[in-house]
Amino acid sequence: MKRKIRPVPKFKREQDERDFWNIHDTTECFDFSKSNRVKIEFDPGIEAPVKSISIRLLREMLNELKVLASKKDNSLSIADQGLLSPKNRRRTKSRLEIP
């Protein structure tokens, strides 16, 4: 049985559109079975803006980071980025100082 695709409504305000997409799925309005695959290529001469690293932390420090992240409803990596950003270094220096 083929699904009926409904047209995307016209929105007067951006908030109306946000509200619509919060309760509707894109598959209601688009037939992704007919879409083409997109291949994204990056210029090899350009370095990525982010880089993954691995760090070792004391369990106590890791647990503290997890608690901070959960208080702000963030993932651990988002909390790490926030704590390590230049504007937050001054605020957290006393608590998470590297020996």
PDB file of N, CA and C in Angstrom:
ATOM      1  N   MET A   1       0.840  -1.188   0.000  1.00  0.00           N
ATOM      2  CA  MET A   1       0.000   0.000   0.000  1.00  0.00           C
ATOM      3  C   MET A   1       0.882   1.248   0.000  1.00  0.00           C
ATOM      4  N   LYS A   2       0.611   2.120  -0.911  1.00  0.00           N
ATOM      5  CA  LYS A   2       1.406   3.327  -1.037  1.00  0.00           C
ATOM      6  C   LYS A   2       0.903   4.391  -0.076  1.00  0.00           C
ATOM      7  N   ARG A   3       1.858   5.041   0.577  1.00  0.00           N
ATOM      8  CA  ARG A   3       1.502   6.111   1.511  1.00  0.00           C
ATOM      9  C   ARG A   3       1.141   7.371   0.768  1.00  0.00           C
ATOM     10  N   LYS A   4       0.161   8.074   1.286  1.00  0.00           N
ATOM     11  CA  LYS A   4      -0.220   9.343   0.689  1.00  0.00           C
ATOM     12  C   LYS A   4       0.693  10.442   1.231  1.00  0.00           C
ATOM     13  N   ILE A   5       1.290  11.160   0.293  1.00  0.00           N
ATOM     14  CA  ILE A   5       2.186  12.258   0.662  1.00  0.00           C
ATOM     15  C   ILE A   5       1.376  13.543   0.684  1.00  0.00           C
ATOM     16  N   ARG A   6       1.395  14.217   1.815  1.00  0.00           N
ATOM     17  CA  ARG A   6       0.647  15.466   1.925  1.00  0.00           C
ATOM     18  C   ARG A   6       1.558  16.651   1.628  1.00  0.00           C
ATOM     19  N   PRO A   7       1.015  17.726   1.101  1.00  0.00           N
ATOM     20  CA  PRO A   7       1.849  18.897   0.810  1.00  0.00           C
ATOM     21  C   PRO A   7       2.287  19.587   2.104  1.00  0.00           C
ATOM     22  N   VAL A   8       3.449  20.199   2.036  1.00  0.00           N
ATOM     23  CA  VAL A   8       3.953  20.960   3.185  1.00  0.00           C
ATOM     24  C   VAL A   8       3.143  22.250   3.260  1.00  0.00           C
ATOM     25  N   PRO A   9       2.530  22.535   4.398  1.00  0.00           N
ATOM     26  CA  PRO A   9       1.734  23.760   4.504  1.00  0.00           C
ATOM     27  C   PRO A   9       2.593  25.020   4.427  1.00  0.00           C
ATOM     28  N   LYS A  10       1.966  26.115   4.055  1.00  0.00           N
ATOM     29  CA  LYS A  10       2.648  27.419   4.055  1.00  0.00           C
ATOM     30  C   LYS A  10       2.527  27.990   5.463  1.00  0.00           C
ATOM     31  N   PHE A  11       3.615  28.530   5.967  1.00  0.00           N
ATOM     32  CA  PHE A  11       3.637  29.057   7.328  1.00  0.00           C
ATOM     33  C   PHE A  11       3.786  30.569   7.305  1.00  0.00           C
ATOM     34  N   LYS A  12       3.070  31.217   8.201  1.00  0.00           N
ATOM     35  CA  LYS A  12       3.172  32.678   8.300  1.00  0.00           C
ATOM     36  C   LYS A  12       4.355  33.090   9.163  1.00  0.00           C
ATOM     37  N   ARG A  13       4.632  32.281  10.169  1.00  0.00           N
ATOM     38  CA  ARG A  13       5.727  32.603  11.085  1.00  0.00           C
ATOM     39  C   ARG A  13       6.654  31.397  11.229  1.00  0.00           C
ATOM     40  N   GLU A  14       7.893  31.678  11.536  1.00  0.00           N
ATOM     41  CA  GLU A  14       8.874  30.610  11.737  1.00  0.00           C
ATOM     42  C   GLU A  14       8.471  29.721  12.914  1.00  0.00           C
ATOM     43  N   GLN A  15       7.896  30.306  13.951  1.00  0.00           N
ATOM     44  CA  GLN A  15       7.464  29.536  15.114  1.00  0.00           C
ATOM     45  C   GLN A  15       6.381  28.524  14.736  1.00  0.00           C
ATOM     46  N   ASP A  16       5.481  28.914  13.813  1.00  0.00           N
ATOM     47  CA  ASP A  16       4.442  27.985  13.345  1.00  0.00           C
ATOM     48  C   ASP A  16       5.079  26.777  12.662  1.00  0.00           C
ATOM     49  N   GLU A  17       6.113  27.043  11.874  1.00  0.00           N
ATOM     50  CA  GLU A  17       6.806  25.955  11.187  1.00  0.00           C
ATOM     51  C   GLU A  17       7.508  25.042  12.191  1.00  0.00           C
ATOM     52  N   ARG A  18       8.142  25.627  13.192  1.00  0.00           N
ATOM     53  CA  ARG A  18       8.791  24.816  14.239  1.00  0.00           C
ATOM     54  C   ARG A  18       7.770  23.924  14.940  1.00  0.00           C
ATOM     55  N   ASP A  19       6.637  24.513  15.295  1.00  0.00           N
ATOM     56  CA  ASP A  19       5.588  23.753  15.977  1.00  0.00           C
ATOM     57  C   ASP A  19       5.096  22.590  15.106  1.00  0.00           C
ATOM     58  N   PHE A  20       4.945  22.850  13.815  1.00  0.00           N
ATOM     59  CA  PHE A  20       4.491  21.812  12.883  1.00  0.00           C
ATOM     60  C   PHE A  20       5.477  20.648  12.842  1.00  0.00           C
ATOM     61  N   TRP A  21       6.767  20.956  12.640  1.00  0.00           N
ATOM     62  CA  TRP A  21       7.764  19.889  12.500  1.00  0.00           C
ATOM     63  C   TRP A  21       8.049  19.196  13.828  1.00  0.00           C
ATOM     64  N   ASN A  22       7.716  19.803  14.948  1.00  0.00           N
ATOM     65  CA  ASN A  22       7.884  19.127  16.242  1.00  0.00           C
ATOM     66  C   ASN A  22       6.894  17.986  16.410  1.00  0.00           C
ATOM     67  N   ILE A  23       5.756  18.049  15.741  1.00  0.00           N
ATOM     68  CA  ILE A  23       4.747  16.997  15.902  1.00  0.00           C
ATOM     69  C   ILE A  23       4.519  16.164  14.640  1.00  0.00           C
ATOM     70  N   HIS A  24       5.162  16.532  13.513  1.00  0.00           N
ATOM     71  CA  HIS A  24       5.026  15.779  12.268  1.00  0.00           C
ATOM     72  C   HIS A  24       6.371  15.235  11.819  1.00  0.00           C
ATOM     73  N   ASP A  25       6.318  14.167  11.072  1.00  0.00           N
ATOM     74  CA  ASP A  25       7.518  13.533  10.548  1.00  0.00           C
ATOM     75  C   ASP A  25       7.702  13.942   9.084  1.00  0.00           C
ATOM     76  N   THR A  26       8.943  14.067   8.641  1.00  0.00           N
ATOM     77  CA  THR A  26       9.194  14.489   7.250  1.00  0.00           C
ATOM     78  C   THR A  26       8.675  13.467   6.247  1.00  0.00           C
ATOM     79  N   THR A  27       8.558  12.208   6.649  1.00  0.00           N
ATOM     80  CA  THR A  27       8.062  11.185   5.718  1.00  0.00           C
ATOM     81  C   THR A  27       6.586  11.381   5.386  1.00  0.00           C
ATOM     82  N   GLU A  28       5.886  12.214   6.146  1.00  0.00           N
ATOM     83  CA  GLU A  28       4.488  12.522   5.829  1.00  0.00           C
ATOM     84  C   GLU A  28       4.380  13.448   4.613  1.00  0.00           C
ATOM     85  N   CYS A  29       5.444  14.225   4.374  1.00  0.00           N
ATOM     86  CA  CYS A  29       5.395  15.243   3.327  1.00  0.00           C
ATOM     87  C   CYS A  29       6.364  14.998   2.174  1.00  0.00           C
ATOM     88  N   PHE A  30       7.302  14.092   2.356  1.00  0.00           N
ATOM     89  CA  PHE A  30       8.299  13.839   1.318  1.00  0.00           C
ATOM     90  C   PHE A  30       8.426  12.346   1.069  1.00  0.00           C
ATOM     91  N   ASP A  31       8.611  11.972  -0.184  1.00  0.00           N
ATOM     92  CA  ASP A  31       8.822  10.574  -0.557  1.00  0.00           C
ATOM     93  C   ASP A  31      10.314  10.371  -0.755  1.00  0.00           C
ATOM     94  N   PHE A  32      10.979   9.878   0.263  1.00  0.00           N
ATOM     95  CA  PHE A  32      12.426   9.720   0.219  1.00  0.00           C
ATOM     96  C   PHE A  32      12.863   8.538  -0.638  1.00  0.00           C
ATOM     97  N   SER A  33      11.930   7.666  -1.022  1.00  0.00           N
ATOM     98  CA  SER A  33      12.305   6.536  -1.875  1.00  0.00           C
ATOM     99  C   SER A  33      12.674   7.008  -3.279  1.00  0.00           C
ATOM    100  N   LYS A  34      12.219   8.190  -3.674  1.00  0.00           N
ATOM    101  CA  LYS A  34      12.514   8.735  -4.995  1.00  0.00           C
ATOM    102  C   LYS A  34      13.667   9.736  -4.972  1.00  0.00           C
ATOM    103  N   SER A  35      14.271   9.931  -3.820  1.00  0.00           N
ATOM    104  CA  SER A  35      15.348  10.917  -3.727  1.00  0.00           C
ATOM    105  C   SER A  35      16.671  10.323  -4.191  1.00  0.00           C
ATOM    106  N   ASN A  36      17.537  11.177  -4.659  1.00  0.00           N
ATOM    107  CA  ASN A  36      18.860  10.761  -5.108  1.00  0.00           C
ATOM    108  C   ASN A  36      19.849  10.836  -3.961  1.00  0.00           C
ATOM    109  N   ARG A  37      20.833   9.975  -4.017  1.00  0.00           N
ATOM    110  CA  ARG A  37      21.880   9.995  -3.007  1.00  0.00           C
ATOM    111  C   ARG A  37      22.814  11.177  -3.279  1.00  0.00           C
ATOM    112  N   VAL A  38      23.205  11.871  -2.237  1.00  0.00           N
ATOM    113  CA  VAL A  38      24.074  13.034  -2.381  1.00  0.00           C
ATOM    114  C   VAL A  38      25.464  12.664  -1.878  1.00  0.00           C
ATOM    115  N   LYS A  39      26.451  12.977  -2.677  1.00  0.00           N
ATOM    116  CA  LYS A  39      27.829  12.722  -2.271  1.00  0.00           C
ATOM    117  C   LYS A  39      28.483  14.067  -1.978  1.00  0.00           C
ATOM    118  N   ILE A  40      29.019  14.206  -0.777  1.00  0.00           N
ATOM    119  CA  ILE A  40      29.661  15.448  -0.379  1.00  0.00           C
ATOM    120  C   ILE A  40      31.169  15.239  -0.419  1.00  0.00           C
ATOM    121  N   GLU A  41      31.833  16.101  -1.137  1.00  0.00           N
ATOM    122  CA  GLU A  41      33.281  16.023  -1.213  1.00  0.00           C
ATOM    123  C   GLU A  41      33.889  17.256  -0.576  1.00  0.00           C
ATOM    124  N   PHE A  42      34.973  17.054   0.138  1.00  0.00           N
ATOM    125  CA  PHE A  42      35.661  18.152   0.797  1.00  0.00           C
ATOM    126  C   PHE A  42      37.007  18.373   0.123  1.00  0.00           C
ATOM    127  N   ASP A  43      37.406  19.595   0.056  1.00  0.00           N
ATOM    128  CA  ASP A  43      38.703  19.934  -0.507  1.00  0.00           C
ATOM    129  C   ASP A  43      39.777  19.360   0.412  1.00  0.00           C
ATOM    130  N   PRO A  44      40.666  18.520  -0.109  1.00  0.00           N
ATOM    131  CA  PRO A  44      41.676  17.901   0.761  1.00  0.00           C
ATOM    132  C   PRO A  44      42.652  18.900   1.372  1.00  0.00           C
ATOM    133  N   GLY A  45      42.746  20.098   0.806  1.00  0.00           N
ATOM    134  CA  GLY A  45      43.661  21.094   1.347  1.00  0.00           C
ATOM    135  C   GLY A  45      43.116  21.845   2.548  1.00  0.00           C
ATOM    136  N   ILE A  46      41.841  21.646   2.848  1.00  0.00           N
ATOM    137  CA  ILE A  46      41.212  22.364   3.955  1.00  0.00           C
ATOM    138  C   ILE A  46      41.099  21.433   5.154  1.00  0.00           C
ATOM    139  N   GLU A  47      41.592  21.892   6.289  1.00  0.00           N
ATOM    140  CA  GLU A  47      41.550  21.088   7.505  1.00  0.00           C
ATOM    141  C   GLU A  47      40.182  21.222   8.167  1.00  0.00           C
ATOM    142  N   ALA A  48      39.694  20.137   8.729  1.00  0.00           N
ATOM    143  CA  ALA A  48      38.399  20.141   9.408  1.00  0.00           C
ATOM    144  C   ALA A  48      38.447  21.101  10.601  1.00  0.00           C
ATOM    145  N   PRO A  49      37.317  21.774  10.911  1.00  0.00           N
ATOM    146  CA  PRO A  49      37.312  22.733  12.019  1.00  0.00           C
ATOM    147  C   PRO A  49      37.394  22.082  13.400  1.00  0.00           C
ATOM    148  N   VAL A  50      37.072  20.801  13.483  1.00  0.00           N
ATOM    149  CA  VAL A  50      37.165  20.096  14.763  1.00  0.00           C
ATOM    150  C   VAL A  50      38.033  18.862  14.600  1.00  0.00           C
ATOM    151  N   LYS A  51      38.615  18.432  15.690  1.00  0.00           N
ATOM    152  CA  LYS A  51      39.463  17.247  15.662  1.00  0.00           C
ATOM    153  C   LYS A  51      39.174  16.436  16.922  1.00  0.00           C
ATOM    154  N   SER A  52      39.046  15.139  16.754  1.00  0.00           N
ATOM    155  CA  SER A  52      38.802  14.263  17.897  1.00  0.00           C
ATOM    156  C   SER A  52      40.103  14.016  18.633  1.00  0.00           C
ATOM    157  N   ILE A  53      40.019  14.031  19.958  1.00  0.00           N
ATOM    158  CA  ILE A  53      41.179  13.716  20.778  1.00  0.00           C
ATOM    159  C   ILE A  53      40.749  12.738  21.867  1.00  0.00           C
ATOM    160  N   SER A  54      41.715  12.110  22.449  1.00  0.00           N
ATOM    161  CA  SER A  54      41.456  11.200  23.550  1.00  0.00           C
ATOM    162  C   SER A  54      42.245  11.710  24.755  1.00  0.00           C
ATOM    163  N   ILE A  55      41.583  11.858  25.881  1.00  0.00           N
ATOM    164  CA  ILE A  55      42.285  12.302  27.083  1.00  0.00           C
ATOM    165  C   ILE A  55      41.975  11.350  28.237  1.00  0.00           C
ATOM    166  N   ARG A  56      42.902  11.265  29.147  1.00  0.00           N
ATOM    167  CA  ARG A  56      42.705  10.440  30.349  1.00  0.00           C
ATOM    168  C   ARG A  56      42.417  11.364  31.519  1.00  0.00           C
ATOM    169  N   LEU A  57      41.379  11.017  32.257  1.00  0.00           N
ATOM    170  CA  LEU A  57      40.996  11.816  33.421  1.00  0.00           C
ATOM    171  C   LEU A  57      40.912  10.912  34.642  1.00  0.00           C
ATOM    172  N   LEU A  58      41.135  11.494  35.786  1.00  0.00           N
ATOM    173  CA  LEU A  58      40.877  10.773  37.022  1.00  0.00           C
ATOM    174  C   LEU A  58      39.386  10.483  37.104  1.00  0.00           C
ATOM    175  N   ARG A  59      39.036   9.349  37.686  1.00  0.00           N
ATOM    176  CA  ARG A  59      37.618   8.987  37.788  1.00  0.00           C
ATOM    177  C   ARG A  59      36.786  10.088  38.454  1.00  0.00           C
ATOM    178  N   GLU A  60      37.340  10.664  39.488  1.00  0.00           N
ATOM    179  CA  GLU A  60      36.647  11.724  40.221  1.00  0.00           C
ATOM    180  C   GLU A  60      36.337  12.909  39.298  1.00  0.00           C
ATOM    181  N   MET A  61      37.321  13.289  38.484  1.00  0.00           N
ATOM    182  CA  MET A  61      37.138  14.413  37.567  1.00  0.00           C
ATOM    183  C   MET A  61      36.111  14.059  36.483  1.00  0.00           C
ATOM    184  N   LEU A  62      36.173  12.823  35.964  1.00  0.00           N
ATOM    185  CA  LEU A  62      35.214  12.377  34.957  1.00  0.00           C
ATOM    186  C   LEU A  62      33.794  12.379  35.518  1.00  0.00           C
ATOM    187  N   ASN A  63      33.651  11.893  36.744  1.00  0.00           N
ATOM    188  CA  ASN A  63      32.324  11.890  37.384  1.00  0.00           C
ATOM    189  C   ASN A  63      31.801  13.311  37.571  1.00  0.00           C
ATOM    190  N   GLU A  64      32.691  14.228  37.936  1.00  0.00           N
ATOM    191  CA  GLU A  64      32.292  15.627  38.107  1.00  0.00           C
ATOM    192  C   GLU A  64      31.819  16.217  36.776  1.00  0.00           C
ATOM    193  N   LEU A  65      32.531  15.884  35.700  1.00  0.00           N
ATOM    194  CA  LEU A  65      32.123  16.356  34.370  1.00  0.00           C
ATOM    195  C   LEU A  65      30.751  15.799  33.982  1.00  0.00           C
ATOM    196  N   LYS A  66      30.532  14.520  34.281  1.00  0.00           N
ATOM    197  CA  LYS A  66      29.237  13.899  33.964  1.00  0.00           C
ATOM    198  C   LYS A  66      28.107  14.575  34.722  1.00  0.00           C
ATOM    199  N   VAL A  67      28.352  14.903  35.989  1.00  0.00           N
ATOM    200  CA  VAL A  67      27.335  15.573  36.803  1.00  0.00           C
ATOM    201  C   VAL A  67      27.033  16.953  36.232  1.00  0.00           C
ATOM    202  N   LEU A  68      28.099  17.695  35.882  1.00  0.00           N
ATOM    203  CA  LEU A  68      27.900  19.026  35.287  1.00  0.00           C
ATOM    204  C   LEU A  68      27.116  18.937  33.984  1.00  0.00           C
ATOM    205  N   ALA A  69      27.437  17.941  33.164  1.00  0.00           N
ATOM    206  CA  ALA A  69      26.745  17.777  31.883  1.00  0.00           C
ATOM    207  C   ALA A  69      25.272  17.446  32.094  1.00  0.00           C
ATOM    208  N   SER A  70      24.984  16.549  33.026  1.00  0.00           N
ATOM    209  CA  SER A  70      23.592  16.162  33.245  1.00  0.00           C
ATOM    210  C   SER A  70      22.767  17.294  33.846  1.00  0.00           C
ATOM    211  N   LYS A  71      23.400  18.147  34.660  1.00  0.00           N
ATOM    212  CA  LYS A  71      22.683  19.293  35.226  1.00  0.00           C
ATOM    213  C   LYS A  71      22.235  20.254  34.136  1.00  0.00           C
ATOM    214  N   LYS A  72      23.029  20.336  33.056  1.00  0.00           N
ATOM    215  CA  LYS A  72      22.702  21.248  31.966  1.00  0.00           C
ATOM    216  C   LYS A  72      22.022  20.530  30.811  1.00  0.00           C
ATOM    217  N   ASP A  73      21.657  19.255  30.999  1.00  0.00           N
ATOM    218  CA  ASP A  73      21.022  18.449  29.956  1.00  0.00           C
ATOM    219  C   ASP A  73      21.864  18.380  28.689  1.00  0.00           C
ATOM    220  N   ASN A  74      23.159  18.206  28.835  1.00  0.00           N
ATOM    221  CA  ASN A  74      24.076  18.106  27.708  1.00  0.00           C
ATOM    222  C   ASN A  74      24.759  16.761  27.716  1.00  0.00           C
ATOM    223  N   SER A  75      25.347  16.432  26.567  1.00  0.00           N
ATOM    224  CA  SER A  75      26.188  15.237  26.523  1.00  0.00           C
ATOM    225  C   SER A  75      27.535  15.588  27.139  1.00  0.00           C
ATOM    226  N   LEU A  76      28.296  14.587  27.435  1.00  0.00           N
ATOM    227  CA  LEU A  76      29.594  14.806  28.063  1.00  0.00           C
ATOM    228  C   LEU A  76      30.524  15.592  27.141  1.00  0.00           C
ATOM    229  N   SER A  77      30.509  15.298  25.840  1.00  0.00           N
ATOM    230  CA  SER A  77      31.414  16.012  24.933  1.00  0.00           C
ATOM    231  C   SER A  77      31.041  17.486  24.822  1.00  0.00           C
ATOM    232  N   ILE A  78      29.752  17.803  24.862  1.00  0.00           N
ATOM    233  CA  ILE A  78      29.326  19.206  24.832  1.00  0.00           C
ATOM    234  C   ILE A  78      29.798  19.915  26.095  1.00  0.00           C
ATOM    235  N   ALA A  79      29.704  19.232  27.229  1.00  0.00           N
ATOM    236  CA  ALA A  79      30.151  19.832  28.495  1.00  0.00           C
ATOM    237  C   ALA A  79      31.653  20.076  28.457  1.00  0.00           C
ATOM    238  N   ASP A  80      32.412  19.110  27.907  1.00  0.00           N
ATOM    239  CA  ASP A  80      33.865  19.279  27.800  1.00  0.00           C
ATOM    240  C   ASP A  80      34.203  20.496  26.960  1.00  0.00           C
ATOM    241  N   GLN A  81      33.536  20.627  25.835  1.00  0.00           N
ATOM    242  CA  GLN A  81      33.803  21.764  24.950  1.00  0.00           C
ATOM    243  C   GLN A  81      33.487  23.077  25.652  1.00  0.00           C
ATOM    244  N   GLY A  82      32.390  23.098  26.385  1.00  0.00           N
ATOM    245  CA  GLY A  82      32.014  24.305  27.100  1.00  0.00           C
ATOM    246  C   GLY A  82      33.006  24.663  28.181  1.00  0.00           C
ATOM    247  N   LEU A  83      33.484  23.658  28.919  1.00  0.00           N
ATOM    248  CA  LEU A  83      34.431  23.921  29.993  1.00  0.00           C
ATOM    249  C   LEU A  83      35.788  24.348  29.457  1.00  0.00           C
ATOM    250  N   LEU A  84      36.159  23.858  28.294  1.00  0.00           N
ATOM    251  CA  LEU A  84      37.470  24.166  27.744  1.00  0.00           C
ATOM    252  C   LEU A  84      37.486  25.413  26.870  1.00  0.00           C
ATOM    253  N   SER A  85      36.328  25.999  26.607  1.00  0.00           N
ATOM    254  CA  SER A  85      36.297  27.202  25.778  1.00  0.00           C
ATOM    255  C   SER A  85      36.961  28.354  26.534  1.00  0.00           C
ATOM    256  N   PRO A  86      37.606  29.267  25.806  1.00  0.00           N
ATOM    257  CA  PRO A  86      38.348  30.356  26.467  1.00  0.00           C
ATOM    258  C   PRO A  86      37.520  31.180  27.454  1.00  0.00           C
ATOM    259  N   LYS A  87      36.247  31.439  27.160  1.00  0.00           N
ATOM    260  CA  LYS A  87      35.475  32.287  28.071  1.00  0.00           C
ATOM    261  C   LYS A  87      35.134  31.581  29.380  1.00  0.00           C
ATOM    262  N   ASN A  88      35.127  30.251  29.388  1.00  0.00           N
ATOM    263  CA  ASN A  88      34.808  29.517  30.606  1.00  0.00           C
ATOM    264  C   ASN A  88      36.038  29.072  31.378  1.00  0.00           C
ATOM    265  N   ARG A  89      37.206  29.180  30.802  1.00  0.00           N
ATOM    266  CA  ARG A  89      38.421  28.730  31.498  1.00  0.00           C
ATOM    267  C   ARG A  89      38.628  29.461  32.813  1.00  0.00           C
ATOM    268  N   ARG A  90      38.373  30.774  32.818  1.00  0.00           N
ATOM    269  CA  ARG A  90      38.568  31.553  34.044  1.00  0.00           C
ATOM    270  C   ARG A  90      37.618  31.081  35.134  1.00  0.00           C
ATOM    271  N   ARG A  91      36.364  30.800  34.750  1.00  0.00           N
ATOM    272  CA  ARG A  91      35.353  30.397  35.725  1.00  0.00           C
ATOM    273  C   ARG A  91      35.645  29.033  36.341  1.00  0.00           C
ATOM    274  N   THR A  92      36.171  28.091  35.554  1.00  0.00           N
ATOM    275  CA  THR A  92      36.352  26.722  36.034  1.00  0.00           C
ATOM    276  C   THR A  92      37.778  26.420  36.460  1.00  0.00           C
ATOM    277  N   LYS A  93      38.662  27.378  36.358  1.00  0.00           N
ATOM    278  CA  LYS A  93      40.075  27.141  36.624  1.00  0.00           C
ATOM    279  C   LYS A  93      40.324  26.543  38.008  1.00  0.00           C
ATOM    280  N   SER A  94      39.642  27.031  39.012  1.00  0.00           N
ATOM    281  CA  SER A  94      39.882  26.552  40.367  1.00  0.00           C
ATOM    282  C   SER A  94      39.405  25.118  40.574  1.00  0.00           C
ATOM    283  N   ARG A  95      38.401  24.677  39.836  1.00  0.00           N
ATOM    284  CA  ARG A  95      37.845  23.338  40.052  1.00  0.00           C
ATOM    285  C   ARG A  95      38.514  22.279  39.199  1.00  0.00           C
ATOM    286  N   LEU A  96      38.789  22.583  37.951  1.00  0.00           N
ATOM    287  CA  LEU A  96      39.324  21.580  37.049  1.00  0.00           C
ATOM    288  C   LEU A  96      40.705  21.965  36.543  1.00  0.00           C
ATOM    289  N   GLU A  97      41.602  22.167  37.455  1.00  0.00           N
ATOM    290  CA  GLU A  97      42.931  22.607  37.086  1.00  0.00           C
ATOM    291  C   GLU A  97      43.794  21.398  36.708  1.00  0.00           C
ATOM    292  N   ILE A  98      44.547  21.532  35.630  1.00  0.00           N
ATOM    293  CA  ILE A  98      45.439  20.457  35.214  1.00  0.00           C
ATOM    294  C   ILE A  98      46.724  20.586  36.028  1.00  0.00           C
ATOM    295  N   PRO A  99      47.133  19.488  36.701  1.00  0.00           N
ATOM    296  CA  PRO A  99      48.326  19.546  37.554  1.00  0.00           C
ATOM    297  C   PRO A  99      49.597  19.744  36.760  1.00  0.00           C
TER     298      PRO A  99
END
